[in-house]
Structures are given as C-alpha cells and as structure tokens.
Amino acid sequence: MPSLSAPLAPPEFTFNEFVDRREQRVDSSSPGKERRQFANSHDELSPEAAELARAIDQYKLLHRRRFINFEEMLGIVKTLGYRK
C-alpha cells in the first residue's frame, strides 16, 4: 500500500507552474480587440455589403456577441430596409 505522505503529482510538476488564463482576459470593452466572425476589413466590399458588414459589427458589439445566427442576421438585414 502506498504511503500517505507520497506526493500526488509527478515530481517534475509543481503547482506553482499553473497559469490561470482567466486572469489574462483582454478588456472586452476596448474597441478593436474583438475577434470577428467575418473579415476585419470592409475595403474590398461593395457599398451595400460594407453597409451590411458595419450593421452586423454594430449589432455584435451592442449585444456582446462574437458570432451571430441566421435569425439575428435576418433581423439586421430587415432593419436595413431589405424585404423579400
């Protein structure tokens, strides 16, 4: 039977090496730090597509969403005035 005083972790591992990544979060309120679902630049888009891209970006920032679903995108398209 193993001794109760034996270390639980291998000897080469120390608990001081643990890095809590939650402490390294970037402030999500700072502009330009948010990862994008689509491209970061709208330079190569048509004016209509660039308007949609800006509306989607604004929606994601306002609602603190990194990615949106199709229902949300449809709502954004409708707010821009598009109808079927």
N, C-alpha and C. Protein backbone atom coordinates (compact mmCIF):
# COMPACT_ATOMS: atom_id res chain seq x y z
N MET A 1 0.85 -1.18 0.00
CA MET A 1 0.00 0.00 0.00
C MET A 1 0.89 1.24 0.00
N PRO A 2 0.55 2.24 -0.86
CA PRO A 2 1.40 3.44 -0.91
C PRO A 2 1.27 4.26 0.36
N SER A 3 2.32 4.95 0.63
CA SER A 3 2.36 5.80 1.80
C SER A 3 1.49 7.04 1.59
N LEU A 4 0.85 7.52 2.64
CA LEU A 4 0.01 8.71 2.54
C LEU A 4 0.83 9.97 2.39
N SER A 5 2.10 9.91 2.68
CA SER A 5 2.95 11.08 2.54
C SER A 5 3.54 11.21 1.14
N ALA A 6 3.27 10.24 0.25
CA ALA A 6 3.80 10.30 -1.12
C ALA A 6 3.10 11.43 -1.88
N PRO A 7 3.84 12.16 -2.73
CA PRO A 7 3.23 13.24 -3.50
C PRO A 7 2.21 12.70 -4.50
N LEU A 8 1.13 13.45 -4.73
CA LEU A 8 0.09 13.03 -5.66
C LEU A 8 0.47 13.32 -7.10
N ALA A 9 1.28 14.32 -7.33
CA ALA A 9 1.69 14.69 -8.68
C ALA A 9 3.10 14.17 -8.94
N PRO A 10 3.44 13.95 -10.22
CA PRO A 10 4.82 13.55 -10.52
C PRO A 10 5.80 14.59 -9.99
N PRO A 11 7.00 14.18 -9.62
CA PRO A 11 7.96 15.11 -9.01
C PRO A 11 8.34 16.27 -9.91
N GLU A 12 8.28 16.11 -11.25
CA GLU A 12 8.70 17.20 -12.13
C GLU A 12 7.62 18.29 -12.26
N PHE A 13 6.43 18.03 -11.76
CA PHE A 13 5.34 19.01 -11.83
C PHE A 13 5.21 19.72 -10.50
N THR A 14 5.14 21.02 -10.56
CA THR A 14 4.87 21.78 -9.35
C THR A 14 3.61 22.60 -9.57
N PHE A 15 2.85 22.81 -8.54
CA PHE A 15 1.60 23.53 -8.66
C PHE A 15 1.82 25.02 -8.91
N ASN A 16 3.02 25.51 -8.69
CA ASN A 16 3.32 26.91 -8.96
C ASN A 16 3.39 27.21 -10.45
N GLU A 17 3.47 26.17 -11.29
CA GLU A 17 3.57 26.36 -12.73
C GLU A 17 2.20 26.58 -13.37
N PHE A 18 1.13 26.37 -12.65
CA PHE A 18 -0.21 26.51 -13.19
C PHE A 18 -0.49 27.96 -13.56
N VAL A 19 -0.99 28.18 -14.78
CA VAL A 19 -1.33 29.52 -15.24
C VAL A 19 -2.83 29.59 -15.41
N ASP A 20 -3.46 30.47 -14.67
CA ASP A 20 -4.90 30.66 -14.78
C ASP A 20 -5.16 31.66 -15.90
N ARG A 21 -5.59 31.16 -17.05
CA ARG A 21 -5.78 32.02 -18.22
C ARG A 21 -6.94 32.99 -18.05
N ARG A 22 -7.83 32.71 -17.12
CA ARG A 22 -8.95 33.63 -16.91
C ARG A 22 -8.45 34.99 -16.44
N GLU A 23 -7.29 35.04 -15.80
CA GLU A 23 -6.74 36.30 -15.32
C GLU A 23 -6.11 37.10 -16.45
N GLN A 24 -5.92 36.48 -17.63
CA GLN A 24 -5.26 37.15 -18.74
C GLN A 24 -6.26 37.70 -19.74
N ARG A 25 -7.53 37.80 -19.38
CA ARG A 25 -8.55 38.29 -20.31
C ARG A 25 -8.24 39.71 -20.75
N VAL A 26 -8.55 39.96 -22.01
CA VAL A 26 -8.43 41.31 -22.55
C VAL A 26 -9.75 42.01 -22.27
N ASP A 27 -9.68 43.24 -21.89
CA ASP A 27 -10.90 44.01 -21.61
C ASP A 27 -11.76 44.05 -22.86
N SER A 28 -12.94 43.42 -22.80
CA SER A 28 -13.80 43.33 -23.98
C SER A 28 -14.45 44.65 -24.34
N SER A 29 -14.37 45.64 -23.47
CA SER A 29 -14.97 46.93 -23.78
C SER A 29 -14.06 47.80 -24.64
N SER A 30 -12.80 47.40 -24.80
CA SER A 30 -11.89 48.20 -25.60
C SER A 30 -12.13 47.92 -27.08
N PRO A 31 -12.29 48.98 -27.89
CA PRO A 31 -12.57 48.79 -29.31
C PRO A 31 -11.38 48.18 -30.04
N GLY A 32 -11.69 47.39 -31.06
CA GLY A 32 -10.64 46.80 -31.88
C GLY A 32 -10.06 45.52 -31.33
N LYS A 33 -10.46 45.09 -30.16
CA LYS A 33 -9.91 43.87 -29.57
C LYS A 33 -10.80 42.66 -29.81
N GLU A 34 -12.01 42.88 -30.32
CA GLU A 34 -12.97 41.80 -30.52
C GLU A 34 -12.61 40.98 -31.76
N ARG A 35 -12.64 39.65 -31.61
CA ARG A 35 -12.43 38.80 -32.77
C ARG A 35 -13.65 38.88 -33.66
N ARG A 36 -13.44 38.79 -34.95
CA ARG A 36 -14.53 38.95 -35.90
C ARG A 36 -14.98 37.62 -36.49
N GLN A 37 -16.29 37.51 -36.72
CA GLN A 37 -16.83 36.34 -37.39
C GLN A 37 -16.48 36.40 -38.87
N PHE A 38 -16.47 37.60 -39.42
CA PHE A 38 -16.15 37.82 -40.82
C PHE A 38 -14.83 38.58 -40.89
N ALA A 39 -14.45 39.04 -42.06
CA ALA A 39 -13.17 39.72 -42.24
C ALA A 39 -13.11 41.01 -41.41
N ASN A 40 -11.91 41.40 -41.03
CA ASN A 40 -11.73 42.63 -40.25
C ASN A 40 -11.86 43.88 -41.11
N SER A 41 -11.65 43.75 -42.41
CA SER A 41 -11.66 44.91 -43.29
C SER A 41 -12.85 44.83 -44.23
N HIS A 42 -13.47 45.96 -44.47
CA HIS A 42 -14.59 46.02 -45.40
C HIS A 42 -14.18 46.74 -46.69
N ASP A 43 -12.88 46.91 -46.90
CA ASP A 43 -12.38 47.69 -48.03
C ASP A 43 -12.74 47.08 -49.39
N GLU A 44 -12.76 45.77 -49.50
CA GLU A 44 -12.99 45.12 -50.79
C GLU A 44 -14.46 44.84 -51.06
N LEU A 45 -15.34 45.30 -50.20
CA LEU A 45 -16.77 45.03 -50.36
C LEU A 45 -17.46 46.13 -51.16
N SER A 46 -18.57 45.76 -51.78
CA SER A 46 -19.40 46.76 -52.44
C SER A 46 -20.00 47.67 -51.37
N PRO A 47 -20.48 48.83 -51.73
CA PRO A 47 -21.07 49.73 -50.72
C PRO A 47 -22.20 49.07 -49.93
N GLU A 48 -23.05 48.28 -50.61
CA GLU A 48 -24.15 47.62 -49.92
C GLU A 48 -23.65 46.57 -48.94
N ALA A 49 -22.66 45.79 -49.37
CA ALA A 49 -22.09 44.76 -48.49
C ALA A 49 -21.35 45.39 -47.32
N ALA A 50 -20.68 46.50 -47.55
CA ALA A 50 -19.98 47.19 -46.47
C ALA A 50 -20.97 47.74 -45.45
N GLU A 51 -22.14 48.24 -45.93
CA GLU A 51 -23.17 48.72 -45.02
C GLU A 51 -23.70 47.58 -44.16
N LEU A 52 -23.92 46.41 -44.77
CA LEU A 52 -24.37 45.23 -44.02
C LEU A 52 -23.31 44.81 -43.01
N ALA A 53 -22.05 44.81 -43.41
CA ALA A 53 -20.96 44.41 -42.51
C ALA A 53 -20.88 45.34 -41.31
N ARG A 54 -21.02 46.64 -41.54
CA ARG A 54 -20.98 47.60 -40.43
C ARG A 54 -22.18 47.40 -39.50
N ALA A 55 -23.34 47.11 -40.08
CA ALA A 55 -24.54 46.87 -39.27
C ALA A 55 -24.37 45.62 -38.42
N ILE A 56 -23.79 44.57 -38.99
CA ILE A 56 -23.55 43.33 -38.25
C ILE A 56 -22.54 43.58 -37.14
N ASP A 57 -21.47 44.30 -37.45
CA ASP A 57 -20.46 44.61 -36.42
C ASP A 57 -21.08 45.41 -35.28
N GLN A 58 -21.91 46.39 -35.62
CA GLN A 58 -22.55 47.21 -34.60
C GLN A 58 -23.47 46.35 -33.73
N TYR A 59 -24.24 45.46 -34.36
CA TYR A 59 -25.14 44.58 -33.62
C TYR A 59 -24.33 43.70 -32.65
N LYS A 60 -23.23 43.13 -33.13
CA LYS A 60 -22.43 42.24 -32.29
C LYS A 60 -21.82 42.99 -31.12
N LEU A 61 -21.37 44.21 -31.34
CA LEU A 61 -20.81 44.99 -30.24
C LEU A 61 -21.89 45.38 -29.24
N LEU A 62 -23.05 45.78 -29.74
CA LEU A 62 -24.14 46.20 -28.88
C LEU A 62 -24.66 45.06 -28.01
N HIS A 63 -24.73 43.87 -28.60
CA HIS A 63 -25.27 42.70 -27.90
C HIS A 63 -24.20 41.78 -27.33
N ARG A 64 -22.94 42.23 -27.40
CA ARG A 64 -21.81 41.48 -26.85
C ARG A 64 -21.79 40.05 -27.38
N ARG A 65 -21.88 39.93 -28.70
CA ARG A 65 -21.89 38.63 -29.37
C ARG A 65 -20.67 38.53 -30.27
N ARG A 66 -19.97 37.44 -30.21
CA ARG A 66 -18.84 37.22 -31.11
C ARG A 66 -19.34 36.69 -32.44
N PHE A 67 -20.34 35.83 -32.39
CA PHE A 67 -20.92 35.24 -33.59
C PHE A 67 -22.42 35.43 -33.54
N ILE A 68 -23.04 35.52 -34.72
CA ILE A 68 -24.49 35.66 -34.77
C ILE A 68 -25.06 34.48 -35.55
N ASN A 69 -26.35 34.23 -35.34
CA ASN A 69 -27.00 33.14 -36.08
C ASN A 69 -27.80 33.74 -37.23
N PHE A 70 -28.45 32.87 -38.01
CA PHE A 70 -29.17 33.34 -39.19
C PHE A 70 -30.37 34.22 -38.84
N GLU A 71 -31.04 33.92 -37.74
CA GLU A 71 -32.18 34.75 -37.32
C GLU A 71 -31.73 36.16 -37.00
N GLU A 72 -30.60 36.28 -36.31
CA GLU A 72 -30.08 37.61 -35.98
C GLU A 72 -29.67 38.35 -37.26
N MET A 73 -29.04 37.63 -38.19
CA MET A 73 -28.63 38.26 -39.44
C MET A 73 -29.85 38.71 -40.23
N LEU A 74 -30.91 37.90 -40.26
CA LEU A 74 -32.13 38.30 -40.94
C LEU A 74 -32.72 39.56 -40.32
N GLY A 75 -32.70 39.63 -39.01
CA GLY A 75 -33.19 40.83 -38.34
C GLY A 75 -32.38 42.06 -38.71
N ILE A 76 -31.08 41.93 -38.82
CA ILE A 76 -30.21 43.04 -39.21
C ILE A 76 -30.53 43.47 -40.64
N VAL A 77 -30.68 42.50 -41.53
CA VAL A 77 -30.99 42.80 -42.93
C VAL A 77 -32.32 43.54 -43.02
N LYS A 78 -33.31 43.10 -42.25
CA LYS A 78 -34.62 43.77 -42.27
C LYS A 78 -34.54 45.19 -41.72
N THR A 79 -33.70 45.42 -40.70
CA THR A 79 -33.57 46.79 -40.16
C THR A 79 -32.93 47.72 -41.18
N LEU A 80 -32.17 47.16 -42.11
CA LEU A 80 -31.58 47.99 -43.17
C LEU A 80 -32.59 48.30 -44.28
N GLY A 81 -33.80 47.70 -44.19
CA GLY A 81 -34.85 48.01 -45.15
C GLY A 81 -35.05 46.98 -46.24
N TYR A 82 -34.32 45.90 -46.22
CA TYR A 82 -34.48 44.89 -47.25
C TYR A 82 -35.72 44.05 -46.96
N ARG A 83 -36.48 43.78 -48.03
CA ARG A 83 -37.67 42.94 -47.94
C ARG A 83 -37.66 41.93 -49.09
N LYS A 84 -38.31 40.80 -48.86
CA LYS A 84 -38.39 39.78 -49.91
C LYS A 84 -39.51 40.13 -50.85
